[in-house]
Amino acid sequence: MKLPHTQDIHPCVAGASELRSNAGQRDVVTRGIATLGELGVVPAVEYLKSNGVRAKVIERVLLEPERRRALA
């Protein structure tokens, strides 16, 4: 039996561990965006990288603000 990968799990049926991970990632990205405004691009990128945010996500949230998800 092949187990699904996390990216294949529909958000409505995601377990608590995935939701916590997503919330943690959301908080890191939110802080990275705040760092961008406070300290600039380099510190924001370093903060996000050091917290395990993928390069594509970093690029999107810092360089393409119109593509960010709405803050909850």
N, C-alpha and C. Protein backbone atom coordinates (compact mmCIF):
# COMPACT_ATOMS: atom_id res chain seq x y z
N MET A 1 0.83 -1.18 0.00
CA MET A 1 0.00 0.00 0.00
C MET A 1 0.88 1.24 0.00
N LYS A 2 0.64 2.13 -0.93
CA LYS A 2 1.43 3.35 -1.04
C LYS A 2 0.81 4.45 -0.18
N LEU A 3 1.59 5.03 0.71
CA LEU A 3 1.11 6.11 1.56
C LEU A 3 1.20 7.44 0.82
N PRO A 4 0.21 8.33 1.02
CA PRO A 4 0.25 9.62 0.34
C PRO A 4 1.32 10.52 0.93
N HIS A 5 1.86 11.37 0.09
CA HIS A 5 2.79 12.39 0.55
C HIS A 5 1.99 13.53 1.16
N THR A 6 2.61 14.31 2.03
CA THR A 6 1.92 15.42 2.67
C THR A 6 1.28 16.34 1.65
N GLN A 7 1.96 16.63 0.54
CA GLN A 7 1.41 17.55 -0.45
C GLN A 7 0.19 16.97 -1.14
N ASP A 8 -0.04 15.63 -1.04
CA ASP A 8 -1.19 15.00 -1.67
C ASP A 8 -2.41 14.96 -0.75
N ILE A 9 -2.25 15.35 0.50
CA ILE A 9 -3.35 15.30 1.46
C ILE A 9 -4.18 16.57 1.34
N HIS A 10 -5.46 16.40 1.17
CA HIS A 10 -6.36 17.55 1.07
C HIS A 10 -6.38 18.27 2.42
N PRO A 11 -6.33 19.62 2.46
CA PRO A 11 -6.29 20.36 3.71
C PRO A 11 -7.43 20.03 4.66
N CYS A 12 -8.59 19.66 4.13
CA CYS A 12 -9.74 19.36 4.98
C CYS A 12 -9.56 18.07 5.77
N VAL A 13 -8.68 17.20 5.29
CA VAL A 13 -8.47 15.93 5.98
C VAL A 13 -7.06 15.85 6.56
N ALA A 14 -6.34 16.94 6.57
CA ALA A 14 -4.99 16.94 7.12
C ALA A 14 -5.06 16.70 8.62
N GLY A 15 -4.09 15.97 9.13
CA GLY A 15 -4.03 15.71 10.56
C GLY A 15 -3.52 16.91 11.33
N ALA A 16 -3.61 16.83 12.65
CA ALA A 16 -3.19 17.93 13.51
C ALA A 16 -1.72 18.28 13.33
N SER A 17 -0.87 17.27 13.08
CA SER A 17 0.56 17.56 12.93
C SER A 17 0.83 18.41 11.70
N GLU A 18 0.10 18.16 10.59
CA GLU A 18 0.28 18.98 9.40
C GLU A 18 -0.21 20.40 9.66
N LEU A 19 -1.33 20.54 10.36
CA LEU A 19 -1.86 21.86 10.64
C LEU A 19 -0.91 22.66 11.52
N ARG A 20 -0.33 22.01 12.53
CA ARG A 20 0.63 22.70 13.39
C ARG A 20 1.84 23.13 12.59
N SER A 21 2.31 22.26 11.71
CA SER A 21 3.45 22.59 10.87
C SER A 21 3.13 23.79 9.99
N ASN A 22 1.95 23.79 9.39
CA ASN A 22 1.55 24.89 8.53
C ASN A 22 1.43 26.19 9.33
N ALA A 23 0.87 26.10 10.54
CA ALA A 23 0.74 27.29 11.38
C ALA A 23 2.12 27.81 11.77
N GLY A 24 3.01 26.89 12.07
CA GLY A 24 4.38 27.30 12.41
C GLY A 24 5.07 27.97 11.24
N GLN A 25 4.90 27.39 10.06
CA GLN A 25 5.47 27.98 8.83
C GLN A 25 4.85 29.35 8.59
N ARG A 26 3.54 29.46 8.78
CA ARG A 26 2.86 30.74 8.59
C ARG A 26 3.44 31.81 9.51
N ASP A 27 3.68 31.43 10.75
CA ASP A 27 4.23 32.39 11.72
C ASP A 27 5.64 32.82 11.33
N VAL A 28 6.44 31.88 10.86
CA VAL A 28 7.81 32.19 10.42
C VAL A 28 7.77 33.15 9.24
N VAL A 29 6.90 32.86 8.27
CA VAL A 29 6.80 33.71 7.08
C VAL A 29 6.30 35.10 7.46
N THR A 30 5.33 35.17 8.36
CA THR A 30 4.82 36.47 8.82
C THR A 30 5.94 37.28 9.46
N ARG A 31 6.76 36.62 10.28
CA ARG A 31 7.88 37.32 10.93
C ARG A 31 8.93 37.71 9.88
N GLY A 32 9.13 36.88 8.88
CA GLY A 32 10.07 37.22 7.80
C GLY A 32 9.62 38.45 7.04
N ILE A 33 8.33 38.57 6.79
CA ILE A 33 7.79 39.74 6.10
C ILE A 33 7.98 40.99 6.97
N ALA A 34 7.75 40.84 8.27
CA ALA A 34 7.97 41.97 9.19
C ALA A 34 9.45 42.36 9.21
N THR A 35 10.33 41.37 9.18
CA THR A 35 11.76 41.63 9.15
C THR A 35 12.14 42.39 7.89
N LEU A 36 11.51 42.06 6.78
CA LEU A 36 11.75 42.77 5.52
C LEU A 36 11.49 44.26 5.71
N GLY A 37 10.37 44.60 6.33
CA GLY A 37 10.02 46.00 6.54
C GLY A 37 10.92 46.70 7.54
N GLU A 38 11.37 45.97 8.54
CA GLU A 38 12.18 46.55 9.61
C GLU A 38 13.66 46.65 9.27
N LEU A 39 14.20 45.58 8.66
CA LEU A 39 15.66 45.49 8.50
C LEU A 39 16.13 45.33 7.06
N GLY A 40 15.22 45.01 6.14
CA GLY A 40 15.60 44.87 4.74
C GLY A 40 15.60 43.44 4.25
N VAL A 41 15.97 43.30 2.99
CA VAL A 41 15.88 42.01 2.28
C VAL A 41 16.83 40.96 2.85
N VAL A 42 18.10 41.30 3.02
CA VAL A 42 19.08 40.29 3.43
C VAL A 42 18.73 39.68 4.78
N PRO A 43 18.45 40.47 5.81
CA PRO A 43 18.06 39.84 7.08
C PRO A 43 16.78 39.01 6.98
N ALA A 44 15.82 39.46 6.17
CA ALA A 44 14.58 38.70 6.00
C ALA A 44 14.86 37.35 5.34
N VAL A 45 15.68 37.35 4.29
CA VAL A 45 16.03 36.10 3.61
C VAL A 45 16.77 35.17 4.57
N GLU A 46 17.72 35.68 5.30
CA GLU A 46 18.48 34.86 6.24
C GLU A 46 17.58 34.26 7.32
N TYR A 47 16.65 35.06 7.84
CA TYR A 47 15.72 34.58 8.86
C TYR A 47 14.87 33.43 8.29
N LEU A 48 14.32 33.63 7.11
CA LEU A 48 13.47 32.61 6.52
C LEU A 48 14.26 31.35 6.20
N LYS A 49 15.45 31.50 5.62
CA LYS A 49 16.28 30.34 5.31
C LYS A 49 16.64 29.57 6.57
N SER A 50 17.00 30.29 7.63
CA SER A 50 17.42 29.63 8.87
C SER A 50 16.26 28.91 9.55
N ASN A 51 15.03 29.23 9.14
CA ASN A 51 13.86 28.57 9.71
C ASN A 51 13.23 27.58 8.74
N GLY A 52 13.98 27.20 7.71
CA GLY A 52 13.57 26.11 6.83
C GLY A 52 12.53 26.44 5.78
N VAL A 53 12.37 27.72 5.46
CA VAL A 53 11.42 28.09 4.42
C VAL A 53 12.07 27.85 3.07
N ARG A 54 11.32 27.22 2.17
CA ARG A 54 11.85 26.89 0.84
C ARG A 54 12.14 28.15 0.03
N ALA A 55 13.13 28.07 -0.85
CA ALA A 55 13.56 29.22 -1.65
C ALA A 55 12.42 29.81 -2.48
N LYS A 56 11.58 28.97 -3.08
CA LYS A 56 10.46 29.48 -3.89
C LYS A 56 9.49 30.30 -3.04
N VAL A 57 9.26 29.86 -1.82
CA VAL A 57 8.35 30.58 -0.92
C VAL A 57 8.98 31.91 -0.52
N ILE A 58 10.27 31.90 -0.20
CA ILE A 58 10.98 33.13 0.17
C ILE A 58 10.87 34.14 -0.96
N GLU A 59 11.16 33.69 -2.16
CA GLU A 59 11.11 34.59 -3.32
C GLU A 59 9.71 35.19 -3.48
N ARG A 60 8.70 34.33 -3.37
CA ARG A 60 7.33 34.80 -3.56
C ARG A 60 6.92 35.82 -2.50
N VAL A 61 7.14 35.50 -1.24
CA VAL A 61 6.62 36.38 -0.19
C VAL A 61 7.40 37.68 -0.07
N LEU A 62 8.68 37.65 -0.40
CA LEU A 62 9.47 38.88 -0.26
C LEU A 62 9.47 39.73 -1.52
N LEU A 63 9.45 39.11 -2.68
CA LEU A 63 9.59 39.87 -3.92
C LEU A 63 8.29 40.05 -4.69
N GLU A 64 7.27 39.28 -4.35
CA GLU A 64 6.00 39.38 -5.06
C GLU A 64 4.85 39.50 -4.05
N PRO A 65 4.76 40.64 -3.37
CA PRO A 65 3.76 40.78 -2.30
C PRO A 65 2.32 40.57 -2.78
N GLU A 66 2.05 40.83 -4.04
CA GLU A 66 0.70 40.63 -4.55
C GLU A 66 0.30 39.16 -4.61
N ARG A 67 1.29 38.26 -4.50
CA ARG A 67 1.01 36.82 -4.53
C ARG A 67 0.98 36.20 -3.14
N ARG A 68 1.15 36.99 -2.11
CA ARG A 68 1.08 36.45 -0.75
C ARG A 68 -0.33 36.05 -0.42
N ARG A 69 -0.45 35.07 0.46
CA ARG A 69 -1.77 34.70 0.97
C ARG A 69 -2.24 35.80 1.91
N ALA A 70 -3.53 35.92 2.03
CA ALA A 70 -4.09 36.92 2.96
C ALA A 70 -3.76 36.50 4.39
N LEU A 71 -3.43 37.48 5.22
CA LEU A 71 -3.17 37.20 6.62
C LEU A 71 -4.47 36.90 7.33
N ALA A 72 -4.45 35.85 8.14
CA ALA A 72 -5.67 35.46 8.86
C ALA A 72 -5.89 36.32 10.07
